[in-house]
Amino acid sequence: MIFYFTGTGNSLYAARAIASEQGEELISIAAALSGNRERHEYELRENETIGFVHPVYAWGPPPIVLEFIKKLELRNYRGNYVFSVVTCGGSAGNTMKVMADSLQKQGLRLNSGYSVVMPNNYIMMGDVDSEEVQQEKLRATDGTLRHINEAIGRKAEEFQVIKGRVPWLVTGIIHPMFVKGAMNTAKFHANDRCTGCGICAKVCNCGNIQVSETPAWGQRCTQCLACIHYCPVQAVQYGQATVKKGRYVNPNISIAEISKGKALR
């Protein structure tokens, strides 16, 4: 059983590759949370492997992932093997420690954790990677995922995570600031290039966008930036921070696949 969260497809690509190799079911965290249930209960098979695959946001797990874990109840858990895979543009900080602590509070032990470097998509600060760097990272991804699949198959007890410099600082200080201040939707807007196609609403993790002639954003946001990156005419912006910036979506994941795992409407 593999729980995943994705914005522009990188984590879904990783989760899909692992689920296929391990013969495990894929479950969308965004879709599960959209039901507004008090608890998310799942029945485990004997010796079933449990995985969590998601991006790194400002050197920590996306808040929506931690929200899901707080509501998670795995029936028949008897020390089942639990792993976490995080996708990131470079380094993950202490993301894996935050995941381990969150899971421990639910009575789950994190046995292994891995980071997978994939093309950057956080254009609030900086820009997307060049086409050359994107292709380089994507080529390396499959090799990394092969190693991860082999390790999960033998239930390895290991952590192979690129933490980067001063992980305690970036995860302990910068990540909480991101969570506190970066979820505001007030700056999202669509410029006059908008065609009203509705793709931004289809890919929204929170079911937070309504489109009549142009999109309007509600209050809930994960800062996944799917609405920005999937806009076919680059009309969706976040203030001035994303103007003249590039866009990136995983080339191996379709809009239909992204939409299927988003908030139920």
Protein backbone atom coordinates (compact mmCIF):
# COMPACT_ATOMS: atom_id res chain seq x y z
CA MET A 1 0.00 0.00 0.00
CA ILE A 2 1.66 3.21 -1.20
CA PHE A 3 0.30 6.62 -0.28
CA TYR A 4 1.40 9.40 -2.61
CA PHE A 5 1.09 13.12 -3.03
CA THR A 6 2.14 14.97 -6.17
CA GLY A 7 1.96 18.44 -7.68
CA THR A 8 3.51 18.30 -11.12
CA GLY A 9 4.01 14.57 -11.48
CA ASN A 10 7.51 13.82 -10.16
CA SER A 11 6.33 12.01 -7.04
CA LEU A 12 3.58 10.18 -8.94
CA TYR A 13 6.19 8.95 -11.42
CA ALA A 14 8.30 7.60 -8.54
CA ALA A 15 5.30 6.15 -6.69
CA ARG A 16 3.99 4.45 -9.83
CA ALA A 17 7.37 2.85 -10.56
CA ILE A 18 7.61 1.50 -7.02
CA ALA A 19 3.99 0.30 -6.86
CA SER A 20 4.37 -1.53 -10.16
CA GLU A 21 7.56 -3.31 -9.09
CA GLN A 22 6.32 -4.16 -5.59
CA GLY A 23 2.78 -5.11 -6.62
CA GLU A 24 1.27 -2.55 -4.25
CA GLU A 25 -1.85 -0.40 -4.50
CA LEU A 26 -1.47 3.36 -5.08
CA ILE A 27 -3.58 5.67 -2.90
CA SER A 28 -3.77 9.43 -3.45
CA ILE A 29 -3.43 11.45 -0.26
CA ALA A 30 -5.18 14.46 -1.81
CA ALA A 31 -8.17 12.41 -2.88
CA ALA A 32 -8.38 10.70 0.51
CA LEU A 33 -8.36 13.98 2.42
CA SER A 34 -11.04 15.52 0.22
CA GLY A 35 -13.61 13.32 1.93
CA ASN A 36 -13.16 15.30 5.18
CA ARG A 37 -13.21 12.13 7.26
CA GLU A 38 -12.10 12.09 10.91
CA ARG A 39 -9.97 8.99 10.33
CA HIS A 40 -8.50 7.24 7.31
CA GLU A 41 -8.65 3.53 8.01
CA TYR A 42 -7.01 0.86 5.87
CA GLU A 43 -6.84 -2.91 6.37
CA LEU A 44 -3.37 -4.36 5.93
CA ARG A 45 -2.60 -7.73 4.47
CA GLU A 46 -0.13 -9.92 6.32
CA ASN A 47 3.40 -8.57 5.78
CA GLU A 48 2.10 -5.83 3.47
CA THR A 49 4.64 -3.10 2.69
CA ILE A 50 3.61 0.48 3.46
CA GLY A 51 5.07 3.43 1.57
CA PHE A 52 4.82 7.20 1.51
CA VAL A 53 5.99 9.05 -1.62
CA HIS A 54 5.84 12.83 -1.85
CA PRO A 55 7.83 15.98 -2.71
CA VAL A 56 9.93 18.11 -0.39
CA TYR A 57 8.58 21.61 0.26
CA ALA A 58 11.12 24.04 1.74
CA TRP A 59 13.10 21.13 3.23
CA GLY A 60 10.12 19.47 4.86
CA PRO A 61 7.09 17.33 4.04
CA PRO A 62 4.07 19.08 2.50
CA PRO A 63 1.63 19.92 5.32
CA ILE A 64 -1.08 17.91 3.55
CA VAL A 65 1.02 14.76 3.98
CA LEU A 66 1.45 15.33 7.71
CA GLU A 67 -2.27 16.10 8.02
CA PHE A 68 -3.04 12.75 6.40
CA ILE A 69 -0.67 10.84 8.68
CA LYS A 70 -2.34 12.34 11.77
CA LYS A 71 -5.65 10.84 10.59
CA LEU A 72 -4.20 7.52 9.45
CA GLU A 73 -5.13 4.22 11.04
CA LEU A 74 -3.66 0.99 9.66
CA ARG A 75 -5.52 -2.03 10.92
CA ASN A 76 -3.53 -5.22 11.52
CA TYR A 77 -0.24 -3.33 11.64
CA ARG A 78 2.24 -5.71 13.22
CA GLY A 79 5.58 -4.13 12.54
CA ASN A 80 5.04 -4.08 8.78
CA TYR A 81 7.87 -2.67 6.70
CA VAL A 82 7.42 1.10 6.19
CA PHE A 83 9.41 3.24 3.76
CA SER A 84 9.37 6.84 2.59
CA VAL A 85 10.60 8.26 -0.72
CA VAL A 86 10.85 12.02 -1.21
CA THR A 87 11.45 13.83 -4.48
CA CYS A 88 13.37 17.10 -4.45
CA GLY A 89 15.22 19.50 -6.71
CA GLY A 90 18.44 19.06 -4.74
CA SER A 91 18.45 18.46 -0.99
CA ALA A 92 15.81 17.28 1.47
CA GLY A 93 17.09 18.67 4.77
CA ASN A 94 15.65 16.75 7.73
CA THR A 95 12.44 15.87 5.90
CA MET A 96 12.91 12.19 6.70
CA LYS A 97 13.27 12.89 10.42
CA VAL A 98 9.99 14.82 10.37
CA MET A 99 8.35 11.88 8.60
CA ALA A 100 9.78 9.38 11.10
CA ASP A 101 8.58 11.45 14.04
CA SER A 102 5.09 11.90 12.55
CA LEU A 103 4.74 8.18 11.83
CA GLN A 104 6.02 7.25 15.27
CA LYS A 105 3.21 9.27 16.85
CA GLN A 106 0.80 6.98 14.96
CA GLY A 107 2.58 3.90 16.23
CA LEU A 108 4.41 3.27 12.94
CA ARG A 109 8.16 2.73 12.61
CA LEU A 110 9.89 4.14 9.53
CA ASN A 111 12.30 1.42 8.38
CA SER A 112 13.89 3.15 5.40
CA GLY A 113 13.96 6.45 3.55
CA TYR A 114 15.30 7.72 0.24
CA SER A 115 15.52 10.97 -1.67
CA VAL A 116 15.24 11.17 -5.46
CA VAL A 117 16.60 14.26 -7.20
CA MET A 118 14.22 15.35 -9.95
CA PRO A 119 13.65 18.56 -11.94
CA ASN A 120 12.89 21.64 -9.86
CA ASN A 121 9.42 23.19 -10.07
CA TYR A 122 9.34 25.69 -7.20
CA ILE A 123 9.46 28.95 -9.15
CA MET A 124 8.47 31.28 -6.30
CA MET A 125 12.19 31.49 -5.66
CA GLY A 126 14.53 30.79 -8.54
CA ASP A 127 13.44 29.19 -11.79
CA VAL A 128 12.99 25.76 -13.33
CA ASP A 129 16.07 23.83 -14.34
CA SER A 130 17.39 24.21 -17.85
CA GLU A 131 16.20 21.63 -20.38
CA GLU A 132 19.62 20.00 -20.25
CA VAL A 133 19.57 19.68 -16.46
CA GLN A 134 15.99 18.40 -16.52
CA GLN A 135 16.92 15.62 -18.92
CA GLU A 136 20.03 14.78 -16.91
CA LYS A 137 18.01 14.46 -13.69
CA LEU A 138 15.27 12.40 -15.35
CA ARG A 139 17.83 9.99 -16.83
CA ALA A 140 19.35 9.46 -13.38
CA THR A 141 15.93 8.96 -11.78
CA ASP A 142 15.31 5.50 -13.20
CA GLY A 143 18.62 4.22 -11.84
CA THR A 144 17.83 5.62 -8.40
CA LEU A 145 14.37 4.04 -8.46
CA ARG A 146 15.85 0.66 -9.45
CA HIS A 147 18.05 0.77 -6.37
CA ILE A 148 15.13 1.82 -4.17
CA ASN A 149 12.96 -0.98 -5.53
CA GLU A 150 15.69 -3.53 -4.87
CA ALA A 151 16.10 -2.24 -1.31
CA ILE A 152 12.37 -2.24 -0.61
CA GLY A 153 12.10 -5.77 -2.06
CA ARG A 154 14.57 -7.08 0.52
CA LYS A 155 13.12 -4.82 3.25
CA ALA A 156 16.38 -2.97 3.79
CA GLU A 157 16.87 -0.96 6.97
CA GLU A 158 18.64 2.07 5.53
CA PHE A 159 18.37 5.79 4.89
CA GLN A 160 19.90 7.29 1.77
CA VAL A 161 18.87 10.92 1.77
CA ILE A 162 20.70 13.96 0.40
CA LYS A 163 20.21 16.32 3.33
CA GLY A 164 22.30 19.24 2.08
CA ARG A 165 23.93 21.84 4.30
CA VAL A 166 22.69 22.62 7.83
CA PRO A 167 19.58 20.41 7.59
CA TRP A 168 18.60 21.23 11.17
CA LEU A 169 18.42 24.92 10.21
CA VAL A 170 16.52 24.70 6.92
CA THR A 171 13.99 22.17 8.21
CA GLY A 172 13.76 23.56 11.74
CA ILE A 173 13.42 27.25 10.84
CA ILE A 174 12.77 27.84 7.14
CA HIS A 175 10.21 25.05 6.71
CA PRO A 176 7.94 26.27 9.55
CA MET A 177 8.08 29.78 8.07
CA PHE A 178 7.02 28.35 4.71
CA VAL A 179 4.12 26.47 6.28
CA LYS A 180 2.98 29.55 8.17
CA GLY A 181 3.24 32.13 5.42
CA ALA A 182 3.37 30.50 2.01
CA MET A 183 -0.11 28.98 1.86
CA ASN A 184 -1.94 32.24 1.22
CA THR A 185 -3.91 32.14 -2.04
CA ALA A 186 -4.42 35.91 -2.36
CA LYS A 187 -1.66 36.35 -4.94
CA PHE A 188 -2.89 33.67 -7.34
CA HIS A 189 -4.50 35.10 -10.45
CA ALA A 190 -4.89 34.50 -14.17
CA ASN A 191 -3.84 37.16 -16.65
CA ASP A 192 -5.58 38.08 -19.90
CA ARG A 193 -4.11 35.05 -21.71
CA CYS A 194 -6.51 32.81 -19.76
CA THR A 195 -8.91 30.84 -21.99
CA GLY A 196 -11.07 29.48 -19.17
CA CYS A 197 -10.12 25.89 -20.08
CA GLY A 198 -10.45 24.70 -16.47
CA ILE A 199 -7.26 22.63 -16.34
CA CYS A 200 -6.11 24.52 -13.24
CA ALA A 201 -9.24 23.35 -11.42
CA LYS A 202 -8.77 19.76 -12.57
CA VAL A 203 -5.23 19.50 -11.22
CA CYS A 204 -5.77 21.37 -7.93
CA ASN A 205 -4.87 19.18 -4.94
CA CYS A 206 -7.45 20.88 -2.73
CA GLY A 207 -10.40 21.26 -5.10
CA ASN A 208 -9.88 24.93 -4.35
CA ILE A 209 -10.29 26.50 -7.81
CA GLN A 210 -13.60 27.39 -9.46
CA VAL A 211 -13.70 28.48 -13.08
CA SER A 212 -16.48 30.42 -14.74
CA GLU A 213 -14.84 32.65 -17.31
CA THR A 214 -11.59 32.80 -15.36
CA PRO A 215 -10.37 30.88 -12.28
CA ALA A 216 -11.03 32.00 -8.71
CA TRP A 217 -9.06 30.56 -5.79
CA GLY A 218 -10.54 29.63 -2.42
CA GLN A 219 -8.67 29.66 0.87
CA ARG A 220 -7.09 26.20 1.04
CA CYS A 221 -3.76 25.62 -0.71
CA THR A 222 -0.79 23.25 -0.53
CA GLN A 223 1.51 25.45 -2.66
CA CYS A 224 2.01 22.51 -5.05
CA LEU A 225 1.87 24.97 -7.99
CA ALA A 226 0.09 22.48 -10.23
CA CYS A 227 -2.30 25.24 -11.35
CA ILE A 228 0.65 27.34 -12.50
CA HIS A 229 2.67 24.64 -14.22
CA TYR A 230 -0.21 22.88 -15.99
CA CYS A 231 -1.77 26.04 -17.45
CA PRO A 232 -1.32 25.52 -21.21
CA VAL A 233 -0.97 29.25 -21.94
CA GLN A 234 1.01 30.24 -18.81
CA ALA A 235 -1.79 32.54 -17.70
CA VAL A 236 -1.76 31.52 -14.03
CA GLN A 237 0.63 33.57 -11.91
CA TYR A 238 1.48 34.14 -8.25
CA GLY A 239 1.86 37.88 -7.90
CA GLN A 240 4.94 38.90 -9.84
CA ALA A 241 7.08 36.02 -8.53
CA THR A 242 6.30 33.67 -11.41
CA VAL A 243 6.20 36.13 -14.30
CA LYS A 244 8.83 35.32 -16.93
CA LYS A 245 9.69 32.08 -15.13
CA GLY A 246 9.71 28.72 -16.86
CA ARG A 247 7.21 25.93 -16.31
CA TYR A 248 7.77 22.22 -15.64
CA VAL A 249 5.61 19.10 -15.52
CA ASN A 250 6.89 15.53 -15.51
CA PRO A 251 6.82 14.47 -19.18
CA ASN A 252 5.88 10.89 -18.30
CA ILE A 253 2.69 11.78 -16.41
CA SER A 254 -0.49 12.89 -18.19
CA ILE A 255 -2.99 15.50 -17.04
CA ALA A 256 -5.57 12.69 -16.80
CA GLU A 257 -3.33 10.82 -14.33
CA ILE A 258 -2.77 13.97 -12.30
CA SER A 259 -6.47 14.83 -12.24
CA LYS A 260 -7.48 11.33 -11.19
CA GLY A 261 -5.51 11.59 -7.95
CA LYS A 262 -6.62 15.07 -6.96
CA ALA A 263 -9.36 16.22 -4.63
CA LEU A 264 -12.70 14.60 -5.38
CA ARG A 265 -15.28 16.98 -6.78
